[in-house]
Amino acid sequence: MNLLDRLLRHDAWTTGQLLTICESLEAADLDYDFDIGHRSLRRTFDHIIWNMEVWSALMAGAEIDRNRDCDVTALRSRLNTAAKQLAQVARNVAKNNTWDETWLDHLDNPPSRKSYGTAIAHVLTHSMHHRAQILHMLRRAGVTPPEGDVFSWERESGEKAAQ
């Protein structure tokens, strides 16, 4: 398995594992106001997934789906779709070796050009940053979260590099 696939799969799987933990929480726990980041588990998950959705659509030149249903089941569905879209864009960039080519981000004011490689790296590191906030919120809520690192993903998901 190449590095890109390893990072993409870890990103989606780990966010999904954290959503699984949150399935057992009450709405009040999901919406509890913490003094960090986007202030609640629900808003932080929405932020992670929304960024995956928006950046994938922008890089693909597709319309942005503005459906932002935020119950845990909908968040999981959105994550699955967004992860597939991001992987498709990233694998196409890798296949065509267009990491340094640029696209126009029309959401910026004024619109600006961004490279595919930097945008993909941004989405993955952005997700990791906010998952760390989720881990912190879960600990403060009395939940023991998983480690969430790439070694844990490889061990627990059954994903293995070709031998």
Protein backbone atom coordinates (compact mmCIF):
# COMPACT_ATOMS: atom_id res chain seq x y z
CA MET A 1 0.00 0.00 0.00
CA ASN A 2 1.44 3.38 -0.92
CA LEU A 3 1.75 6.28 1.50
CA LEU A 4 -1.20 8.21 0.06
CA ASP A 5 -3.60 5.28 0.47
CA ARG A 6 -2.26 4.64 3.96
CA LEU A 7 -2.95 8.25 4.99
CA LEU A 8 -6.38 8.40 3.33
CA ARG A 9 -7.54 5.11 4.86
CA HIS A 10 -6.20 5.98 8.30
CA ASP A 11 -7.93 9.37 8.15
CA ALA A 12 -11.37 7.96 7.28
CA TRP A 13 -11.11 4.91 9.55
CA THR A 14 -9.98 6.84 12.62
CA THR A 15 -12.67 9.50 12.26
CA GLY A 16 -15.18 6.67 11.82
CA GLN A 17 -13.95 4.96 14.99
CA LEU A 18 -14.47 8.15 16.95
CA LEU A 19 -17.98 8.47 15.52
CA THR A 20 -18.68 4.89 16.64
CA ILE A 21 -17.74 5.85 20.19
CA CYS A 22 -20.08 8.83 19.98
CA GLU A 23 -23.04 6.65 18.93
CA SER A 24 -23.46 5.67 22.59
CA LEU A 25 -23.43 9.27 23.85
CA GLU A 26 -26.52 11.32 24.60
CA ALA A 27 -27.25 14.46 22.57
CA ALA A 28 -26.29 16.55 25.60
CA ASP A 29 -22.83 14.92 25.59
CA LEU A 30 -22.41 15.49 21.84
CA ASP A 31 -23.40 19.14 22.22
CA TYR A 32 -21.63 19.86 25.51
CA ASP A 33 -19.78 23.19 25.28
CA PHE A 34 -16.05 22.61 25.74
CA ASP A 35 -13.52 25.45 25.81
CA ILE A 36 -11.62 24.19 22.76
CA GLY A 37 -11.87 24.43 18.99
CA HIS A 38 -15.39 24.20 17.64
CA ARG A 39 -16.64 23.73 21.20
CA SER A 40 -18.57 20.45 20.91
CA LEU A 41 -18.06 16.95 19.61
CA ARG A 42 -20.89 17.32 17.08
CA ARG A 43 -19.63 20.65 15.73
CA THR A 44 -16.07 19.34 15.50
CA PHE A 45 -17.12 16.24 13.55
CA ASP A 46 -19.21 18.44 11.26
CA HIS A 47 -16.23 20.73 10.74
CA ILE A 48 -13.89 17.84 9.84
CA ILE A 49 -16.35 16.27 7.42
CA TRP A 50 -17.49 19.59 5.93
CA ASN A 51 -13.87 20.42 5.10
CA MET A 52 -13.41 17.04 3.41
CA GLU A 53 -16.61 17.65 1.42
CA VAL A 54 -15.77 21.20 0.38
CA TRP A 55 -12.11 20.67 -0.52
CA SER A 56 -12.90 17.50 -2.49
CA ALA A 57 -15.64 19.27 -4.44
CA LEU A 58 -13.45 22.31 -5.10
CA MET A 59 -10.55 20.21 -6.37
CA ALA A 60 -12.88 18.10 -8.54
CA GLY A 61 -14.64 21.15 -9.94
CA ALA A 62 -17.91 19.78 -8.58
CA GLU A 63 -20.84 21.45 -6.90
CA ILE A 64 -20.61 21.66 -3.11
CA ASP A 65 -23.34 19.67 -1.36
CA ARG A 66 -24.58 21.99 1.36
CA ASN A 67 -26.48 19.29 3.27
CA ARG A 68 -25.05 19.44 6.77
CA ASP A 69 -27.21 17.00 8.70
CA CYS A 70 -25.35 16.43 11.96
CA ASP A 71 -26.91 13.50 13.77
CA VAL A 72 -24.32 10.75 14.27
CA THR A 73 -25.82 8.49 11.58
CA ALA A 74 -25.80 11.33 9.06
CA LEU A 75 -22.26 12.31 10.05
CA ARG A 76 -21.13 8.74 9.38
CA SER A 77 -22.85 8.73 5.98
CA ARG A 78 -21.32 12.08 5.11
CA LEU A 79 -17.89 10.86 6.24
CA ASN A 80 -18.12 7.74 4.07
CA THR A 81 -19.09 9.77 1.02
CA ALA A 82 -16.52 12.51 1.65
CA ALA A 83 -13.72 9.99 2.24
CA LYS A 84 -14.50 8.28 -1.07
CA GLN A 85 -14.60 11.61 -2.90
CA LEU A 86 -11.32 12.77 -1.36
CA ALA A 87 -9.65 9.45 -2.16
CA GLN A 88 -10.86 9.61 -5.76
CA VAL A 89 -9.46 13.12 -6.22
CA ALA A 90 -6.18 12.27 -4.47
CA ARG A 91 -5.65 9.03 -6.39
CA ASN A 92 -6.34 10.82 -9.67
CA VAL A 93 -3.75 13.45 -8.75
CA ALA A 94 -1.25 10.72 -7.86
CA LYS A 95 -1.97 8.74 -11.04
CA ASN A 96 -1.47 11.82 -13.22
CA ASN A 97 1.37 13.22 -11.08
CA THR A 98 -0.36 16.60 -10.90
CA TRP A 99 0.58 17.37 -7.29
CA ASP A 100 1.98 20.79 -8.21
CA GLU A 101 -0.70 21.77 -10.70
CA THR A 102 -3.16 24.36 -9.47
CA TRP A 103 -6.90 24.87 -9.41
CA LEU A 104 -8.94 27.98 -8.67
CA ASP A 105 -10.47 28.20 -5.21
CA HIS A 106 -13.51 30.34 -5.97
CA LEU A 107 -14.52 30.47 -2.29
CA ASP A 108 -11.55 32.69 -1.48
CA ASN A 109 -12.12 36.42 -1.81
CA PRO A 110 -10.54 37.16 -4.16
CA PRO A 111 -10.36 33.67 -5.72
CA SER A 112 -6.87 32.16 -5.50
CA ARG A 113 -4.93 29.32 -7.05
CA LYS A 114 -3.92 26.36 -4.90
CA SER A 115 -1.91 23.26 -5.70
CA TYR A 116 -3.57 19.86 -5.50
CA GLY A 117 -0.77 18.41 -3.39
CA THR A 118 -0.93 21.15 -0.79
CA ALA A 119 -4.72 21.03 -0.63
CA ILE A 120 -4.73 17.24 -0.10
CA ALA A 121 -2.04 17.53 2.59
CA HIS A 122 -4.07 20.31 4.21
CA VAL A 123 -7.25 18.23 4.40
CA LEU A 124 -5.47 15.26 5.97
CA THR A 125 -3.53 17.28 8.54
CA HIS A 126 -6.59 19.42 9.26
CA SER A 127 -8.60 16.31 10.10
CA MET A 128 -5.83 15.02 12.36
CA HIS A 129 -5.66 18.33 14.22
CA HIS A 130 -9.38 18.32 14.95
CA ARG A 131 -9.43 14.60 15.84
CA ALA A 132 -6.93 15.48 18.57
CA GLN A 133 -9.48 17.97 19.88
CA ILE A 134 -12.15 15.24 19.80
CA LEU A 135 -9.85 12.91 21.76
CA HIS A 136 -9.42 15.67 24.35
CA MET A 137 -13.19 16.28 24.56
CA LEU A 138 -13.89 12.55 24.95
CA ARG A 139 -11.36 12.27 27.78
CA ARG A 140 -12.92 15.27 29.51
CA ALA A 141 -16.34 13.60 29.09
CA GLY A 142 -15.02 10.51 30.89
CA VAL A 143 -14.67 8.37 27.76
CA THR A 144 -11.44 6.51 27.09
CA PRO A 145 -10.72 7.09 23.40
CA PRO A 146 -8.56 4.92 21.14
CA GLU A 147 -4.97 5.89 20.39
CA GLY A 148 -5.90 6.89 16.84
CA ASP A 149 -2.39 6.64 15.40
CA VAL A 150 -1.44 4.97 12.12
CA PHE A 151 0.03 1.90 13.86
CA SER A 152 -3.25 1.33 15.71
CA TRP A 153 -5.17 1.73 12.45
CA GLU A 154 -3.00 -0.86 10.71
CA ARG A 155 -3.28 -3.30 13.62
CA GLU A 156 -7.00 -2.86 14.33
CA SER A 157 -8.39 -2.35 10.83
CA GLY A 158 -6.66 -5.33 9.26
CA GLU A 159 -5.20 -3.06 6.57
CA LYS A 160 -1.73 -4.30 5.75
CA ALA A 161 0.94 -3.22 3.38
CA ALA A 162 1.70 -5.74 0.65
CA GLN A 163 4.36 -8.13 1.92
